[in-house]
Protein backbone atom coordinates (compact mmCIF):
# COMPACT_ATOMS: atom_id res chain seq x y z
CA UNK A 1 6.82 -55.09 57.75
CA UNK A 2 6.39 -55.54 54.03
CA UNK A 3 2.80 -55.21 52.77
CA UNK A 4 1.67 -56.50 49.38
CA UNK A 5 -1.67 -55.97 47.67
CA UNK A 6 -2.91 -58.85 45.51
CA UNK A 7 -5.67 -58.31 42.95
CA UNK A 8 -7.13 -61.46 41.32
CA UNK A 9 -8.60 -60.47 37.95
CA UNK A 10 -10.46 -62.10 35.08
CA UNK A 11 -11.43 -59.93 32.10
CA UNK A 12 -11.44 -56.71 34.11
CA UNK A 13 -9.96 -54.26 31.59
CA UNK A 14 -12.92 -51.90 32.11
CA UNK A 15 -12.59 -51.80 35.88
CA UNK A 16 -9.09 -52.62 37.09
CA UNK A 17 -7.52 -49.27 36.19
CA UNK A 18 -9.41 -47.27 38.82
CA UNK A 19 -8.52 -49.86 41.49
CA UNK A 20 -4.83 -49.95 40.59
CA UNK A 21 -4.58 -46.17 40.52
CA UNK A 22 -5.40 -46.08 44.22
CA UNK A 23 -3.22 -49.06 45.14
CA UNK A 24 -0.15 -47.87 43.22
CA UNK A 25 -0.40 -44.45 44.87
CA UNK A 26 -0.86 -45.87 48.38
CA UNK A 27 2.01 -45.21 50.79
CA UNK A 28 0.88 -48.17 52.89
CA UNK A 29 1.75 -50.73 50.22
CA UNK A 30 5.22 -51.93 49.22
CA UNK A 31 4.04 -54.02 46.28
CA UNK A 32 0.99 -54.38 44.04
CA UNK A 33 0.45 -57.70 42.26
CA UNK A 34 -2.24 -58.46 39.70
CA UNK A 35 -2.94 -62.13 39.08
CA UNK A 36 -4.51 -62.32 35.64
CA UNK A 37 -6.51 -65.53 35.79
CA UNK A 38 -6.69 -66.36 32.09
CA UNK A 39 -8.21 -63.13 30.77
CA UNK A 40 -8.96 -62.79 27.05
CA UNK A 41 -8.96 -58.99 27.21
CA UNK A 42 -6.26 -56.43 28.04
CA UNK A 43 -6.30 -56.85 31.82
CA UNK A 44 -2.59 -57.75 31.92
CA UNK A 45 -1.53 -54.94 29.59
CA UNK A 46 -3.35 -52.23 31.53
CA UNK A 47 -1.98 -53.55 34.83
CA UNK A 48 1.62 -53.50 33.59
CA UNK A 49 1.24 -50.01 32.15
CA UNK A 50 0.03 -48.75 35.52
CA UNK A 51 3.04 -50.21 37.32
CA UNK A 52 1.71 -53.40 38.89
CA UNK A 53 3.58 -56.67 38.91
CA UNK A 54 1.56 -59.08 36.74
CA UNK A 55 1.32 -62.84 37.18
CA UNK A 56 -0.36 -64.37 34.15
CA UNK A 57 -2.16 -67.72 34.55
CA UNK A 58 -2.66 -69.44 31.24
CA UNK A 59 -5.92 -71.33 31.69
CA UNK A 60 -8.33 -69.37 29.51
CA UNK A 61 -11.48 -68.52 31.41
CA UNK A 62 -9.81 -68.82 34.79
CA UNK A 63 -8.61 -71.37 37.31
CA UNK A 64 -10.66 -69.84 40.10
CA UNK A 65 -10.29 -66.86 42.42
CA UNK A 66 -8.77 -68.88 45.28
CA UNK A 67 -6.06 -70.30 43.02
CA UNK A 68 -5.27 -66.81 41.75
CA UNK A 69 -4.94 -65.61 45.35
CA UNK A 70 -2.61 -68.50 46.12
CA UNK A 71 -0.41 -67.74 43.11
CA UNK A 72 -0.19 -64.13 44.21
CA UNK A 73 1.11 -65.12 47.64
CA UNK A 74 3.66 -67.46 46.06
CA UNK A 75 5.08 -64.49 44.20
CA UNK A 76 5.75 -62.23 47.18
CA UNK A 77 7.67 -62.46 50.44
CA UNK A 78 5.47 -59.87 52.13
CA UNK A 79 4.60 -60.34 55.80
CA UNK A 80 1.11 -58.90 55.33
CA UNK A 81 -1.16 -59.62 52.36
CA UNK A 82 -4.06 -57.40 51.35
CA UNK A 83 -6.58 -58.69 48.81
CA UNK A 84 -8.72 -56.43 46.66
CA UNK A 85 -11.32 -57.30 44.04
CA UNK A 86 -10.63 -55.87 40.59
CA UNK A 87 -14.12 -54.43 40.03
CA UNK A 88 -14.40 -52.07 42.99
CA UNK A 89 -15.91 -48.62 42.79
CA UNK A 90 -15.16 -45.81 45.21
CA UNK A 91 -11.88 -47.23 46.55
CA UNK A 92 -9.75 -44.61 48.35
CA UNK A 93 -6.36 -44.43 50.06
CA UNK A 94 -8.19 -44.17 53.38
CA UNK A 95 -9.88 -47.51 52.73
CA UNK A 96 -6.47 -49.10 52.14
CA UNK A 97 -4.98 -47.58 55.30
CA UNK A 98 -7.98 -48.44 57.47
CA UNK A 99 -7.91 -52.06 56.31
CA UNK A 100 -4.20 -52.59 56.93
CA UNK A 101 -3.91 -50.72 60.23
CA UNK A 102 -5.29 -53.38 62.66
CA UNK A 103 -2.93 -56.01 61.22
CA UNK A 104 0.12 -53.73 61.13
CA UNK A 105 -0.54 -52.76 64.75
CA UNK A 106 -0.90 -56.44 65.70
CA UNK A 107 -4.45 -55.96 66.97
CA UNK A 108 -5.77 -58.58 64.54
CA UNK A 109 -4.41 -61.35 62.33
CA UNK A 110 -7.02 -60.46 59.71
CA UNK A 111 -9.10 -57.39 58.91
CA UNK A 112 -12.20 -57.78 56.76
CA UNK A 113 -13.60 -54.84 54.83
CA UNK A 114 -17.35 -54.29 54.97
CA UNK A 115 -18.64 -52.47 51.89
CA UNK A 116 -21.34 -49.85 52.12
CA UNK A 117 -24.66 -51.62 51.71
CA UNK A 118 -28.31 -50.78 52.11
CA UNK A 119 -29.27 -50.09 55.75
CA UNK A 120 -25.89 -51.33 57.00
CA UNK A 121 -26.75 -54.94 56.27
CA UNK A 122 -23.06 -55.93 56.15
CA UNK A 123 -22.50 -54.98 59.79
CA UNK A 124 -25.74 -56.69 60.77
CA UNK A 125 -24.83 -59.98 59.09
CA UNK A 126 -21.38 -60.10 60.69
CA UNK A 127 -22.92 -59.69 64.14
CA UNK A 128 -25.19 -62.65 63.43
CA UNK A 129 -22.44 -64.86 62.03
CA UNK A 130 -18.79 -63.88 61.29
CA UNK A 131 -18.67 -66.49 58.52
CA UNK A 132 -21.00 -64.25 56.50
CA UNK A 133 -18.23 -61.66 56.06
CA UNK A 134 -17.37 -62.80 52.53
CA UNK A 135 -16.13 -59.56 50.97
CA UNK A 136 -12.91 -59.82 48.99
CA UNK A 137 -11.25 -56.82 50.64
CA UNK A 138 -9.20 -58.14 53.54
CA UNK A 139 -5.74 -57.77 55.05
CA UNK A 140 -4.02 -60.63 56.87
CA UNK A 141 -0.79 -62.01 58.15
CA UNK A 142 0.30 -64.44 55.47
CA UNK A 143 0.21 -67.49 57.77
CA UNK A 144 -3.59 -67.23 57.86
CA UNK A 145 -3.92 -67.96 54.15
CA UNK A 146 -1.08 -70.48 54.14
CA UNK A 147 -2.76 -72.57 56.86
CA UNK A 148 -6.04 -73.05 54.98
CA UNK A 149 -6.43 -76.71 53.88
CA UNK A 150 -5.84 -77.05 50.15
CA UNK A 151 -9.25 -78.55 49.43
CA UNK A 152 -10.92 -75.37 50.65
CA UNK A 153 -8.93 -73.10 48.34
CA UNK A 154 -11.42 -73.34 45.52
CA UNK A 155 -13.87 -71.06 43.76
CA UNK A 156 -15.87 -68.68 45.92
CA UNK A 157 -15.26 -70.62 49.15
CA UNK A 158 -11.95 -69.11 50.20
CA UNK A 159 -13.35 -66.17 52.18
CA UNK A 160 -15.57 -68.44 54.29
CA UNK A 161 -12.58 -70.74 54.91
CA UNK A 162 -10.45 -67.81 56.06
CA UNK A 163 -13.20 -66.66 58.43
CA UNK A 164 -13.62 -70.16 59.85
CA UNK A 165 -9.88 -70.66 60.36
CA UNK A 166 -9.69 -67.54 62.52
CA UNK A 167 -12.88 -68.40 64.39
CA UNK A 168 -11.96 -71.97 65.32
CA UNK A 169 -8.46 -70.93 66.43
CA UNK A 170 -9.74 -67.94 68.42
CA UNK A 171 -7.64 -65.51 66.39
CA UNK A 172 -8.57 -61.81 66.53
CA UNK A 173 -10.35 -60.43 63.46
CA UNK A 174 -11.19 -56.77 62.84
CA UNK A 175 -14.21 -55.68 60.79
CA UNK A 176 -13.69 -52.36 59.05
CA UNK A 177 -16.56 -50.38 57.55
CA UNK A 178 -15.36 -48.94 54.23
CA UNK A 179 -17.75 -46.08 53.59
CA UNK A 180 -18.42 -45.41 49.92
CA UNK A 181 -16.86 -48.67 48.70
CA UNK A 182 -18.88 -50.84 46.37
CA UNK A 183 -18.42 -53.02 43.30
CA UNK A 184 -19.81 -53.55 39.82
CA UNK A 185 -22.63 -56.06 40.17
CA UNK A 186 -22.29 -59.30 38.22
CA UNK A 187 -25.45 -58.71 36.18
CA UNK A 188 -24.14 -55.36 34.96
CA UNK A 189 -20.65 -56.66 34.21
CA UNK A 190 -21.55 -59.83 32.32
CA UNK A 191 -25.16 -59.30 31.31
CA UNK A 192 -28.22 -60.33 33.27
CA UNK A 193 -28.35 -64.08 32.69
CA UNK A 194 -24.63 -64.81 32.89
CA UNK A 195 -24.33 -62.58 35.94
CA UNK A 196 -27.33 -64.25 37.56
CA UNK A 197 -25.90 -67.74 36.93
CA UNK A 198 -22.59 -66.73 38.49
CA UNK A 199 -24.39 -65.26 41.50
CA UNK A 200 -26.34 -68.50 42.01
CA UNK A 201 -23.12 -70.51 41.65
CA UNK A 202 -21.42 -68.35 44.26
CA UNK A 203 -24.30 -68.73 46.73
CA UNK A 204 -24.38 -72.51 46.22
CA UNK A 205 -20.65 -72.82 46.86
CA UNK A 206 -20.85 -70.69 50.00
CA UNK A 207 -23.70 -72.82 51.37
CA UNK A 208 -21.83 -76.02 50.50
CA UNK A 209 -18.62 -75.02 52.27
CA UNK A 210 -20.47 -74.18 55.46
CA UNK A 211 -21.50 -77.82 55.71
CA UNK A 212 -18.08 -79.14 54.66
CA UNK A 213 -16.12 -77.20 57.26
CA UNK A 214 -18.36 -78.47 60.06
CA UNK A 215 -17.24 -82.00 59.19
CA UNK A 216 -13.59 -80.99 58.78
CA UNK A 217 -12.97 -78.84 61.85
CA UNK A 218 -9.79 -80.65 62.82
CA UNK A 219 -8.16 -79.74 59.51
CA UNK A 220 -8.50 -76.06 60.40
CA UNK A 221 -7.12 -76.27 63.91
CA UNK A 222 -3.54 -75.20 64.55
CA UNK A 223 -1.28 -78.04 65.55
């Protein structure tokens, strides 16, 4: 089965190199695609130099992470899609292998990576509610993404929509603890106030979609 990694990126020239180094070297991946979502820096140039296929979206400032993910899928015929954020720290080949393995072995239609967090809070939250597994690192059979209703492929809501689709259709999902994996926090990357505003925006969108999907359950059910 062909496996493609898709990395949505917006102004990530300082971070994307260390992520791509691992992905390009991975023997578990057949293709690495960077979707540059309107960057004004050298994200595209660095990605090409490192050997990734680059899809450049022209809307300056970005069309949204979900749209970038969708464009990445359009540009590959891979059976299995693996998404990675562009600002990860500590990514290893083992993380990549561990994430893909349950899907390759047909034990799950989606595997969600749980980053290392204080006191194992990621594992705790998933046990309370699987919809809270909103990390960007996840492998899936491509039909999972392709069956998400278009109106839910926006902004920061896509991960919750993917979780809900699997839950309502009783599809098996694996949760993989990725020890040592983390990311550059928004406040550090963009400055405190801009980072804080983006964090609040993300939280608001995640709360909003939880209410929306409850009123649109039938749209997520397989026919």
